Amino acid sequence: MNTTVPATTAHHSDGMSATDGEILTVMDVARFLRVPKSTVYKLARLGELPASKIGKHWRFLRRDIHEWMRHRSHAA
């Protein structure tokens, strides 16, 4: 099985990359933000981090996390 990640990212006509709609888990977001999972849970629960709760699981859209980071970096 090939688990290699492509080096290039496809772009849609609207300028978004194909991975923008990717759904991330708490662990994915924690790795990306380099914070503990507990921080991701807390921010999601408080509504500070854009997330959706599906049953007992939190899910995040990659583009929302990137946008959240951009807004935070401009606000600081």
C-alpha atoms as a PDB file:
ATOM      1  CA  MET A   1       0.000   0.000   0.000  1.00  0.00           C
ATOM      2  CA  ASN A   2       1.342   3.405  -0.964  1.00  0.00           C
ATOM      3  CA  THR A   3       1.034   5.964   1.842  1.00  0.00           C
ATOM      4  CA  THR A   4       3.130   8.653   0.183  1.00  0.00           C
ATOM      5  CA  VAL A   5       1.674  12.142   0.363  1.00  0.00           C
ATOM      6  CA  PRO A   6       1.798  14.021  -2.943  1.00  0.00           C
ATOM      7  CA  ALA A   7       4.304  16.874  -3.040  1.00  0.00           C
ATOM      8  CA  THR A   8       1.915  19.183  -4.875  1.00  0.00           C
ATOM      9  CA  THR A   9      -1.619  20.192  -4.004  1.00  0.00           C
ATOM     10  CA  ALA A  10      -4.380  20.529  -6.584  1.00  0.00           C
ATOM     11  CA  HIS A  11      -6.241  23.834  -6.667  1.00  0.00           C
ATOM     12  CA  HIS A  12      -9.878  24.390  -7.525  1.00  0.00           C
ATOM     13  CA  SER A  13     -11.050  27.214  -9.789  1.00  0.00           C
ATOM     14  CA  ASP A  14     -12.013  29.225  -6.675  1.00  0.00           C
ATOM     15  CA  GLY A  15      -8.368  29.291  -5.544  1.00  0.00           C
ATOM     16  CA  MET A  16      -8.830  26.837  -2.667  1.00  0.00           C
ATOM     17  CA  SER A  17      -6.608  23.793  -2.419  1.00  0.00           C
ATOM     18  CA  ALA A  18      -8.075  20.300  -2.494  1.00  0.00           C
ATOM     19  CA  THR A  19      -7.114  19.801   1.168  1.00  0.00           C
ATOM     20  CA  ASP A  20      -8.994  22.882   2.437  1.00  0.00           C
ATOM     21  CA  GLY A  21     -12.147  20.806   2.910  1.00  0.00           C
ATOM     22  CA  GLU A  22     -10.242  18.040   4.698  1.00  0.00           C
ATOM     23  CA  ILE A  23     -11.788  16.973   7.986  1.00  0.00           C
ATOM     24  CA  LEU A  24      -9.369  16.854  10.917  1.00  0.00           C
ATOM     25  CA  THR A  25      -9.565  15.089  14.271  1.00  0.00           C
ATOM     26  CA  VAL A  26      -8.601  16.504  17.659  1.00  0.00           C
ATOM     27  CA  MET A  27      -5.223  14.781  17.352  1.00  0.00           C
ATOM     28  CA  ASP A  28      -4.655  16.277  13.872  1.00  0.00           C
ATOM     29  CA  VAL A  29      -5.417  19.787  15.146  1.00  0.00           C
ATOM     30  CA  ALA A  30      -3.289  19.315  18.272  1.00  0.00           C
ATOM     31  CA  ARG A  31      -0.333  18.257  16.115  1.00  0.00           C
ATOM     32  CA  PHE A  32      -0.869  21.157  13.710  1.00  0.00           C
ATOM     33  CA  LEU A  33      -1.135  23.746  16.504  1.00  0.00           C
ATOM     34  CA  ARG A  34       1.531  21.981  18.603  1.00  0.00           C
ATOM     35  CA  VAL A  35      -0.630  22.011  21.713  1.00  0.00           C
ATOM     36  CA  PRO A  36      -1.995  19.249  23.960  1.00  0.00           C
ATOM     37  CA  LYS A  37      -5.246  17.562  22.939  1.00  0.00           C
ATOM     38  CA  SER A  38      -6.819  18.945  26.119  1.00  0.00           C
ATOM     39  CA  THR A  39      -6.284  22.486  24.791  1.00  0.00           C
ATOM     40  CA  VAL A  40      -8.042  21.626  21.527  1.00  0.00           C
ATOM     41  CA  TYR A  41     -10.976  20.098  23.438  1.00  0.00           C
ATOM     42  CA  LYS A  42     -11.207  23.165  25.673  1.00  0.00           C
ATOM     43  CA  LEU A  43     -11.098  25.677  22.798  1.00  0.00           C
ATOM     44  CA  ALA A  44     -13.689  23.683  20.831  1.00  0.00           C
ATOM     45  CA  ARG A  45     -15.982  23.349  23.848  1.00  0.00           C
ATOM     46  CA  LEU A  46     -15.771  27.095  24.554  1.00  0.00           C
ATOM     47  CA  GLY A  47     -16.527  27.891  20.909  1.00  0.00           C
ATOM     48  CA  GLU A  48     -13.186  29.635  20.413  1.00  0.00           C
ATOM     49  CA  LEU A  49     -11.972  27.116  17.843  1.00  0.00           C
ATOM     50  CA  PRO A  50     -14.221  26.442  14.816  1.00  0.00           C
ATOM     51  CA  ALA A  51     -15.456  22.880  15.245  1.00  0.00           C
ATOM     52  CA  SER A  52     -18.419  20.560  14.877  1.00  0.00           C
ATOM     53  CA  LYS A  53     -19.364  17.900  17.354  1.00  0.00           C
ATOM     54  CA  ILE A  54     -20.613  14.707  15.750  1.00  0.00           C
ATOM     55  CA  GLY A  55     -21.900  12.441  18.472  1.00  0.00           C
ATOM     56  CA  LYS A  56     -19.118  12.535  21.033  1.00  0.00           C
ATOM     57  CA  HIS A  57     -16.403  13.349  18.497  1.00  0.00           C
ATOM     58  CA  TRP A  58     -15.102  16.786  17.550  1.00  0.00           C
ATOM     59  CA  ARG A  59     -14.245  17.434  13.908  1.00  0.00           C
ATOM     60  CA  PHE A  60     -12.557  20.423  12.275  1.00  0.00           C
ATOM     61  CA  LEU A  61     -12.229  21.677   8.697  1.00  0.00           C
ATOM     62  CA  ARG A  62      -8.639  22.387   7.712  1.00  0.00           C
ATOM     63  CA  ARG A  63      -9.574  25.705   6.043  1.00  0.00           C
ATOM     64  CA  ASP A  64     -11.378  26.852   9.212  1.00  0.00           C
ATOM     65  CA  ILE A  65      -8.323  26.132  11.360  1.00  0.00           C
ATOM     66  CA  HIS A  66      -6.054  27.987   8.912  1.00  0.00           C
ATOM     67  CA  GLU A  67      -8.448  30.956   8.834  1.00  0.00           C
ATOM     68  CA  TRP A  68      -8.699  30.949  12.648  1.00  0.00           C
ATOM     69  CA  MET A  69      -4.902  31.080  12.857  1.00  0.00           C
ATOM     70  CA  ARG A  70      -4.735  33.969  10.349  1.00  0.00           C
ATOM     71  CA  HIS A  71      -7.272  35.985  12.331  1.00  0.00           C
ATOM     72  CA  ARG A  72      -5.433  35.349  15.593  1.00  0.00           C
ATOM     73  CA  SER A  73      -2.082  36.391  14.117  1.00  0.00           C
ATOM     74  CA  HIS A  74      -3.586  39.653  12.784  1.00  0.00           C
ATOM     75  CA  ALA A  75      -5.348  40.399  16.098  1.00  0.00           C
ATOM     76  CA  ALA A  76      -2.172  40.034  18.180  1.00  0.00           C
END
